Full PDB file with SEQRES, HELIX, SHEET, SSBOND, CRYST1, ORIGX, SCALE, CONECT and MASTER records, all heavy atoms in Angstrom:
SEQRES   1 A   32  TYR LEU GLN LEU PHE GLY LEU GLU GLY LYS VAL GLU LEU          
SEQRES   2 A   32  ALA GLU VAL GLU LEU SER ASN ALA VAL SER ALA LEU LYS          
SEQRES   3 A   32  ASN GLY GLN ILE ASP GLY                                      
HELIX    1 AA1 LEU A   18  ASN A   20  5                                   3    
HELIX    2 AA2 ALA A   21  LYS A   26  1                                   6    
CRYST1    1.000    1.000    1.000  90.00  90.00  90.00 P 1           1          
ORIGX1      1.000000  0.000000  0.000000        0.00000                         
ORIGX2      0.000000  1.000000  0.000000        0.00000                         
ORIGX3      0.000000  0.000000  1.000000        0.00000                         
SCALE1      1.000000  0.000000  0.000000        0.00000                         
SCALE2      0.000000  1.000000  0.000000        0.00000                         
SCALE3      0.000000  0.000000  1.000000        0.00000                         
ATOM      1  N   TYR A   1      18.172  21.782   0.892  1.00  0.00           N  
ATOM      2  CA  TYR A   1      18.307  20.653   1.784  1.00  0.00           C  
ATOM      3  C   TYR A   1      17.280  19.606   1.531  1.00  0.00           C  
ATOM      4  O   TYR A   1      17.593  18.396   1.613  1.00  0.00           O  
ATOM      5  CB  TYR A   1      18.291  21.122   3.236  1.00  0.00           C  
ATOM      6  CG  TYR A   1      19.510  21.885   3.665  1.00  0.00           C  
ATOM      7  CD1 TYR A   1      20.316  22.607   2.765  1.00  0.00           C  
ATOM      8  CD2 TYR A   1      19.901  21.893   5.034  1.00  0.00           C  
ATOM      9  CE1 TYR A   1      21.426  23.296   3.217  1.00  0.00           C  
ATOM     10  CE2 TYR A   1      20.950  22.663   5.425  1.00  0.00           C  
ATOM     11  CZ  TYR A   1      21.774  23.388   4.551  1.00  0.00           C  
ATOM     12  OH  TYR A   1      22.861  24.049   4.956  1.00  0.00           O  
ATOM     13  N   LEU A   2      16.009  19.977   1.179  1.00  0.00           N  
ATOM     14  CA  LEU A   2      15.030  19.037   0.856  1.00  0.00           C  
ATOM     15  C   LEU A   2      15.381  18.175  -0.320  1.00  0.00           C  
ATOM     16  O   LEU A   2      15.229  16.987  -0.369  1.00  0.00           O  
ATOM     17  CB  LEU A   2      13.698  19.689   0.628  1.00  0.00           C  
ATOM     18  CG  LEU A   2      13.055  20.407   1.838  1.00  0.00           C  
ATOM     19  CD1 LEU A   2      11.669  21.002   1.404  1.00  0.00           C  
ATOM     20  CD2 LEU A   2      12.831  19.484   2.955  1.00  0.00           C  
ATOM     21  N   GLN A   3      16.029  18.854  -1.259  1.00  0.00           N  
ATOM     22  CA  GLN A   3      16.526  18.175  -2.520  1.00  0.00           C  
ATOM     23  C   GLN A   3      17.704  17.237  -2.180  1.00  0.00           C  
ATOM     24  O   GLN A   3      17.734  16.093  -2.612  1.00  0.00           O  
ATOM     25  CB  GLN A   3      16.929  19.187  -3.564  1.00  0.00           C  
ATOM     26  CG  GLN A   3      15.795  20.024  -4.118  1.00  0.00           C  
ATOM     27  CD  GLN A   3      16.300  21.177  -5.009  1.00  0.00           C  
ATOM     28  OE1 GLN A   3      17.470  21.420  -5.071  1.00  0.00           O  
ATOM     29  NE2 GLN A   3      15.303  21.847  -5.668  1.00  0.00           N  
ATOM     30  N   LEU A   4      18.627  17.737  -1.417  1.00  0.00           N  
ATOM     31  CA  LEU A   4      19.850  16.998  -1.080  1.00  0.00           C  
ATOM     32  C   LEU A   4      19.527  15.738  -0.259  1.00  0.00           C  
ATOM     33  O   LEU A   4      20.152  14.703  -0.466  1.00  0.00           O  
ATOM     34  CB  LEU A   4      20.816  17.850  -0.242  1.00  0.00           C  
ATOM     35  CG  LEU A   4      21.656  18.939  -0.934  1.00  0.00           C  
ATOM     36  CD1 LEU A   4      22.403  19.765   0.065  1.00  0.00           C  
ATOM     37  CD2 LEU A   4      22.580  18.330  -1.939  1.00  0.00           C  
ATOM     38  N   PHE A   5      18.539  15.821   0.599  1.00  0.00           N  
ATOM     39  CA  PHE A   5      18.293  14.731   1.561  1.00  0.00           C  
ATOM     40  C   PHE A   5      17.082  13.911   1.109  1.00  0.00           C  
ATOM     41  O   PHE A   5      16.514  13.147   1.974  1.00  0.00           O  
ATOM     42  CB  PHE A   5      18.065  15.288   3.004  1.00  0.00           C  
ATOM     43  CG  PHE A   5      19.210  16.179   3.470  1.00  0.00           C  
ATOM     44  CD1 PHE A   5      19.025  17.215   4.318  1.00  0.00           C  
ATOM     45  CD2 PHE A   5      20.543  15.989   3.005  1.00  0.00           C  
ATOM     46  CE1 PHE A   5      20.018  18.040   4.717  1.00  0.00           C  
ATOM     47  CE2 PHE A   5      21.562  16.846   3.387  1.00  0.00           C  
ATOM     48  CZ  PHE A   5      21.306  17.848   4.271  1.00  0.00           C  
ATOM     49  N   GLY A   6      16.774  13.908  -0.152  1.00  0.00           N  
ATOM     50  CA  GLY A   6      15.746  13.052  -0.730  1.00  0.00           C  
ATOM     51  C   GLY A   6      14.354  13.322  -0.374  1.00  0.00           C  
ATOM     52  O   GLY A   6      13.473  12.450  -0.371  1.00  0.00           O  
ATOM     53  N   LEU A   7      14.006  14.605  -0.010  1.00  0.00           N  
ATOM     54  CA  LEU A   7      12.679  14.949   0.402  1.00  0.00           C  
ATOM     55  C   LEU A   7      11.887  15.793  -0.593  1.00  0.00           C  
ATOM     56  O   LEU A   7      10.763  16.151  -0.381  1.00  0.00           O  
ATOM     57  CB  LEU A   7      12.748  15.717   1.768  1.00  0.00           C  
ATOM     58  CG  LEU A   7      13.063  14.859   2.913  1.00  0.00           C  
ATOM     59  CD1 LEU A   7      13.496  15.746   4.149  1.00  0.00           C  
ATOM     60  CD2 LEU A   7      12.007  13.901   3.349  1.00  0.00           C  
ATOM     61  N   GLU A   8      12.542  16.072  -1.752  1.00  0.00           N  
ATOM     62  CA  GLU A   8      11.869  16.852  -2.761  1.00  0.00           C  
ATOM     63  C   GLU A   8      10.546  16.173  -3.242  1.00  0.00           C  
ATOM     64  O   GLU A   8      10.656  14.991  -3.635  1.00  0.00           O  
ATOM     65  CB  GLU A   8      12.815  17.104  -3.969  1.00  0.00           C  
ATOM     66  CG  GLU A   8      12.194  18.087  -5.033  1.00  0.00           C  
ATOM     67  CD  GLU A   8      13.176  18.413  -6.125  1.00  0.00           C  
ATOM     68  OE1 GLU A   8      14.207  17.658  -6.270  1.00  0.00           O  
ATOM     69  OE2 GLU A   8      12.921  19.311  -6.871  1.00  0.00           O  
ATOM     70  N   GLY A   9       9.465  16.816  -3.179  1.00  0.00           N  
ATOM     71  CA  GLY A   9       8.177  16.280  -3.619  1.00  0.00           C  
ATOM     72  C   GLY A   9       7.548  15.386  -2.622  1.00  0.00           C  
ATOM     73  O   GLY A   9       6.474  14.827  -2.789  1.00  0.00           O  
ATOM     74  N   LYS A  10       8.235  15.260  -1.451  1.00  0.00           N  
ATOM     75  CA  LYS A  10       7.752  14.337  -0.434  1.00  0.00           C  
ATOM     76  C   LYS A  10       7.190  15.036   0.824  1.00  0.00           C  
ATOM     77  O   LYS A  10       6.778  14.465   1.825  1.00  0.00           O  
ATOM     78  CB  LYS A  10       8.791  13.349   0.027  1.00  0.00           C  
ATOM     79  CG  LYS A  10       9.291  12.412  -1.107  1.00  0.00           C  
ATOM     80  CD  LYS A  10      10.397  11.445  -0.603  1.00  0.00           C  
ATOM     81  CE  LYS A  10      10.820  10.540  -1.724  1.00  0.00           C  
ATOM     82  NZ  LYS A  10      11.918   9.629  -1.261  1.00  0.00           N  
ATOM     83  N   VAL A  11       7.307  16.373   0.760  1.00  0.00           N  
ATOM     84  CA  VAL A  11       6.676  17.185   1.839  1.00  0.00           C  
ATOM     85  C   VAL A  11       5.704  18.183   1.184  1.00  0.00           C  
ATOM     86  O   VAL A  11       5.893  18.568   0.006  1.00  0.00           O  
ATOM     87  CB  VAL A  11       7.723  17.927   2.662  1.00  0.00           C  
ATOM     88  CG1 VAL A  11       8.729  16.984   3.312  1.00  0.00           C  
ATOM     89  CG2 VAL A  11       8.495  18.993   1.833  1.00  0.00           C  
ATOM     90  N   GLU A  12       4.769  18.581   1.983  1.00  0.00           N  
ATOM     91  CA  GLU A  12       3.772  19.558   1.518  1.00  0.00           C  
ATOM     92  C   GLU A  12       4.293  20.923   1.898  1.00  0.00           C  
ATOM     93  O   GLU A  12       4.585  21.193   3.069  1.00  0.00           O  
ATOM     94  CB  GLU A  12       2.367  19.333   2.189  1.00  0.00           C  
ATOM     95  CG  GLU A  12       1.261  20.298   1.688  1.00  0.00           C  
ATOM     96  CD  GLU A  12       0.856  19.923   0.281  1.00  0.00           C  
ATOM     97  OE1 GLU A  12       1.010  18.745  -0.140  1.00  0.00           O  
ATOM     98  OE2 GLU A  12       0.297  20.806  -0.420  1.00  0.00           O  
ATOM     99  N   LEU A  13       4.515  21.867   0.926  1.00  0.00           N  
ATOM    100  CA  LEU A  13       4.988  23.157   1.180  1.00  0.00           C  
ATOM    101  C   LEU A  13       3.831  24.141   1.419  1.00  0.00           C  
ATOM    102  O   LEU A  13       2.968  24.305   0.549  1.00  0.00           O  
ATOM    103  CB  LEU A  13       5.889  23.652   0.020  1.00  0.00           C  
ATOM    104  CG  LEU A  13       7.185  22.842  -0.264  1.00  0.00           C  
ATOM    105  CD1 LEU A  13       7.900  23.365  -1.442  1.00  0.00           C  
ATOM    106  CD2 LEU A  13       8.012  22.726   1.024  1.00  0.00           C  
ATOM    107  N   ALA A  14       3.816  24.724   2.605  1.00  0.00           N  
ATOM    108  CA  ALA A  14       2.707  25.632   2.941  1.00  0.00           C  
ATOM    109  C   ALA A  14       2.841  26.997   2.258  1.00  0.00           C  
ATOM    110  O   ALA A  14       3.919  27.515   2.180  1.00  0.00           O  
ATOM    111  CB  ALA A  14       2.694  25.808   4.446  1.00  0.00           C  
ATOM    112  N   GLU A  15       1.675  27.489   1.839  1.00  0.00           N  
ATOM    113  CA  GLU A  15       1.621  28.849   1.301  1.00  0.00           C  
ATOM    114  C   GLU A  15       1.322  29.894   2.353  1.00  0.00           C  
ATOM    115  O   GLU A  15       0.252  30.443   2.439  1.00  0.00           O  
ATOM    116  CB  GLU A  15       0.602  28.901   0.155  1.00  0.00           C  
ATOM    117  CG  GLU A  15       0.929  28.078  -1.035  1.00  0.00           C  
ATOM    118  CD  GLU A  15       2.170  28.508  -1.797  1.00  0.00           C  
ATOM    119  OE1 GLU A  15       2.400  29.766  -1.800  1.00  0.00           O  
ATOM    120  OE2 GLU A  15       2.922  27.645  -2.269  1.00  0.00           O  
ATOM    121  N   VAL A  16       2.245  30.048   3.288  1.00  0.00           N  
ATOM    122  CA  VAL A  16       2.155  30.921   4.388  1.00  0.00           C  
ATOM    123  C   VAL A  16       3.337  31.758   4.562  1.00  0.00           C  
ATOM    124  O   VAL A  16       4.466  31.353   4.269  1.00  0.00           O  
ATOM    125  CB  VAL A  16       1.858  30.135   5.718  1.00  0.00           C  
ATOM    126  CG1 VAL A  16       1.653  31.082   6.882  1.00  0.00           C  
ATOM    127  CG2 VAL A  16       0.699  29.175   5.580  1.00  0.00           C  
ATOM    128  N   GLU A  17       3.156  33.048   4.908  1.00  0.00           N  
ATOM    129  CA  GLU A  17       4.331  33.936   5.102  1.00  0.00           C  
ATOM    130  C   GLU A  17       5.124  33.467   6.314  1.00  0.00           C  
ATOM    131  O   GLU A  17       4.510  33.097   7.319  1.00  0.00           O  
ATOM    132  CB  GLU A  17       3.926  35.399   5.249  1.00  0.00           C  
ATOM    133  CG  GLU A  17       3.346  36.004   3.944  1.00  0.00           C  
ATOM    134  CD  GLU A  17       4.360  36.070   2.799  1.00  0.00           C  
ATOM    135  OE1 GLU A  17       5.564  36.259   3.161  1.00  0.00           O  
ATOM    136  OE2 GLU A  17       3.925  35.896   1.673  1.00  0.00           O  
ATOM    137  N   LEU A  18       6.434  33.559   6.271  1.00  0.00           N  
ATOM    138  CA  LEU A  18       7.282  33.168   7.417  1.00  0.00           C  
ATOM    139  C   LEU A  18       6.937  33.921   8.642  1.00  0.00           C  
ATOM    140  O   LEU A  18       7.087  33.397   9.790  1.00  0.00           O  
ATOM    141  CB  LEU A  18       8.736  33.332   7.072  1.00  0.00           C  
ATOM    142  CG  LEU A  18       9.770  32.778   8.069  1.00  0.00           C  
ATOM    143  CD1 LEU A  18       9.506  31.278   8.299  1.00  0.00           C  
ATOM    144  CD2 LEU A  18      11.174  33.013   7.617  1.00  0.00           C  
ATOM    145  N   SER A  19       6.470  35.144   8.487  1.00  0.00           N  
ATOM    146  CA  SER A  19       6.142  36.005   9.665  1.00  0.00           C  
ATOM    147  C   SER A  19       4.930  35.381  10.485  1.00  0.00           C  
ATOM    148  O   SER A  19       4.697  35.713  11.606  1.00  0.00           O  
ATOM    149  CB  SER A  19       5.761  37.392   9.219  1.00  0.00           C  
ATOM    150  OG  SER A  19       4.715  37.427   8.302  1.00  0.00           O  
ATOM    151  N   ASN A  20       4.198  34.485   9.797  1.00  0.00           N  
ATOM    152  CA  ASN A  20       3.037  33.843  10.425  1.00  0.00           C  
ATOM    153  C   ASN A  20       3.356  32.400  10.884  1.00  0.00           C  
ATOM    154  O   ASN A  20       2.428  31.590  11.175  1.00  0.00           O  
ATOM    155  CB  ASN A  20       1.845  33.856   9.454  1.00  0.00           C  
ATOM    156  CG  ASN A  20       1.324  35.243   9.141  1.00  0.00           C  
ATOM    157  OD1 ASN A  20       1.356  36.106   9.972  1.00  0.00           O  
ATOM    158  ND2 ASN A  20       0.918  35.423   7.888  1.00  0.00           N  
ATOM    159  N   ALA A  21       4.661  32.088  10.880  1.00  0.00           N  
ATOM    160  CA  ALA A  21       5.034  30.673  11.155  1.00  0.00           C  
ATOM    161  C   ALA A  21       4.591  30.149  12.508  1.00  0.00           C  
ATOM    162  O   ALA A  21       4.089  29.064  12.595  1.00  0.00           O  
ATOM    163  CB  ALA A  21       6.557  30.490  11.006  1.00  0.00           C  
ATOM    164  N   VAL A  22       4.747  30.983  13.522  1.00  0.00           N  
ATOM    165  CA  VAL A  22       4.399  30.502  14.900  1.00  0.00           C  
ATOM    166  C   VAL A  22       2.923  30.303  15.037  1.00  0.00           C  
ATOM    167  O   VAL A  22       2.462  29.272  15.571  1.00  0.00           O  
ATOM    168  CB  VAL A  22       4.986  31.510  15.960  1.00  0.00           C  
ATOM    169  CG1 VAL A  22       4.493  31.016  17.368  1.00  0.00           C  
ATOM    170  CG2 VAL A  22       6.477  31.554  15.883  1.00  0.00           C  
ATOM    171  N   SER A  23       2.107  31.246  14.567  1.00  0.00           N  
ATOM    172  CA  SER A  23       0.632  31.092  14.641  1.00  0.00           C  
ATOM    173  C   SER A  23       0.212  29.941  13.835  1.00  0.00           C  
ATOM    174  O   SER A  23      -0.693  29.151  14.220  1.00  0.00           O  
ATOM    175  CB  SER A  23      -0.012  32.362  14.266  1.00  0.00           C  
ATOM    176  OG  SER A  23       0.249  32.746  12.905  1.00  0.00           O  
ATOM    177  N   ALA A  24       0.791  29.692  12.663  1.00  0.00           N  
ATOM    178  CA  ALA A  24       0.409  28.578  11.823  1.00  0.00           C  
ATOM    179  C   ALA A  24       0.773  27.228  12.488  1.00  0.00           C  
ATOM    180  O   ALA A  24       0.092  26.223  12.329  1.00  0.00           O  
ATOM    181  CB  ALA A  24       1.133  28.638  10.458  1.00  0.00           C  
ATOM    182  N   LEU A  25       1.928  27.240  13.222  1.00  0.00           N  
ATOM    183  CA  LEU A  25       2.278  26.025  14.028  1.00  0.00           C  
ATOM    184  C   LEU A  25       1.306  25.756  15.151  1.00  0.00           C  
ATOM    185  O   LEU A  25       0.932  24.633  15.483  1.00  0.00           O  
ATOM    186  CB  LEU A  25       3.709  26.269  14.531  1.00  0.00           C  
ATOM    187  CG  LEU A  25       4.539  24.966  14.907  1.00  0.00           C  
ATOM    188  CD1 LEU A  25       4.839  24.133  13.599  1.00  0.00           C  
ATOM    189  CD2 LEU A  25       5.791  25.361  15.594  1.00  0.00           C  
ATOM    190  N   LYS A  26       0.871  26.863  15.845  1.00  0.00           N  
ATOM    191  CA  LYS A  26      -0.045  26.711  16.906  1.00  0.00           C  
ATOM    192  C   LYS A  26      -1.349  26.131  16.493  1.00  0.00           C  
ATOM    193  O   LYS A  26      -1.944  25.261  17.208  1.00  0.00           O  
ATOM    194  CB  LYS A  26      -0.263  28.129  17.572  1.00  0.00           C  
ATOM    195  CG  LYS A  26       0.841  28.636  18.401  1.00  0.00           C  
ATOM    196  CD  LYS A  26       0.475  29.983  18.984  1.00  0.00           C  
ATOM    197  CE  LYS A  26       1.590  30.603  19.838  1.00  0.00           C  
ATOM    198  NZ  LYS A  26       1.248  31.943  20.330  1.00  0.00           N  
ATOM    199  N   ASN A  27      -1.873  26.602  15.333  1.00  0.00           N  
ATOM    200  CA  ASN A  27      -3.212  26.109  14.954  1.00  0.00           C  
ATOM    201  C   ASN A  27      -3.196  24.792  14.152  1.00  0.00           C  
ATOM    202  O   ASN A  27      -4.240  24.408  13.628  1.00  0.00           O  
ATOM    203  CB  ASN A  27      -3.990  27.257  14.243  1.00  0.00           C  
ATOM    204  CG  ASN A  27      -3.330  27.655  12.911  1.00  0.00           C  
ATOM    205  OD1 ASN A  27      -2.694  26.827  12.265  1.00  0.00           O  
ATOM    206  ND2 ASN A  27      -3.504  28.910  12.537  1.00  0.00           N  
ATOM    207  N   GLY A  28      -2.038  24.257  14.007  1.00  0.00           N  
ATOM    208  CA  GLY A  28      -1.882  22.994  13.283  1.00  0.00           C  
ATOM    209  C   GLY A  28      -1.900  23.100  11.794  1.00  0.00           C  
ATOM    210  O   GLY A  28      -1.984  22.071  11.043  1.00  0.00           O  
ATOM    211  N   GLN A  29      -1.787  24.340  11.259  1.00  0.00           N  
ATOM    212  CA  GLN A  29      -1.772  24.498   9.813  1.00  0.00           C  
ATOM    213  C   GLN A  29      -0.545  23.969   9.167  1.00  0.00           C  
ATOM    214  O   GLN A  29      -0.523  23.509   8.037  1.00  0.00           O  
ATOM    215  CB  GLN A  29      -1.937  26.010   9.508  1.00  0.00           C  
ATOM    216  CG  GLN A  29      -2.146  26.343   8.049  1.00  0.00           C  
ATOM    217  CD  GLN A  29      -2.385  27.853   7.813  1.00  0.00           C  
ATOM    218  OE1 GLN A  29      -2.424  28.652   8.786  1.00  0.00           O  
ATOM    219  NE2 GLN A  29      -2.468  28.277   6.558  1.00  0.00           N  
ATOM    220  N   ILE A  30       0.570  23.969   9.931  1.00  0.00           N  
ATOM    221  CA  ILE A  30       1.860  23.391   9.466  1.00  0.00           C  
ATOM    222  C   ILE A  30       2.395  22.526  10.563  1.00  0.00           C  
ATOM    223  O   ILE A  30       2.040  22.594  11.764  1.00  0.00           O  
ATOM    224  CB  ILE A  30       2.866  24.500   9.119  1.00  0.00           C  
ATOM    225  CG1 ILE A  30       3.191  25.410  10.369  1.00  0.00           C  
ATOM    226  CG2 ILE A  30       2.414  25.385   7.922  1.00  0.00           C  
ATOM    227  CD1 ILE A  30       4.270  26.407  10.175  1.00  0.00           C  
ATOM    228  N   ASP A  31       3.317  21.592  10.160  1.00  0.00           N  
ATOM    229  CA  ASP A  31       4.001  20.736  11.107  1.00  0.00           C  
ATOM    230  C   ASP A  31       5.334  21.320  11.505  1.00  0.00           C  
ATOM    231  O   ASP A  31       5.896  20.936  12.565  1.00  0.00           O  
ATOM    232  CB  ASP A  31       4.242  19.362  10.525  1.00  0.00           C  
ATOM    233  CG  ASP A  31       2.920  18.648  10.233  1.00  0.00           C  
ATOM    234  OD1 ASP A  31       2.145  18.428  11.192  1.00  0.00           O  
ATOM    235  OD2 ASP A  31       2.621  18.315   9.028  1.00  0.00           O  
ATOM    236  N   GLY A  32       5.884  22.209  10.669  1.00  0.00           N  
ATOM    237  CA  GLY A  32       7.180  22.797  10.993  1.00  0.00           C  
ATOM    238  C   GLY A  32       7.505  23.922  10.014  1.00  0.00           C  
ATOM    239  O   GLY A  32       6.780  24.162   9.050  1.00  0.00           O  
TER     240      GLY A  32                                                      
MASTER        0    0    0    2    0    0    0    6  239    1    0    3          
END                                                                             
């Protein structure tokens, strides 16, 4: 979807496991 909607290379991809998504969101490590 990032490729389809023109966002490839325009977002920073986090090196975090999906199981840690909520805690990473809480501490501001990721935006989404």
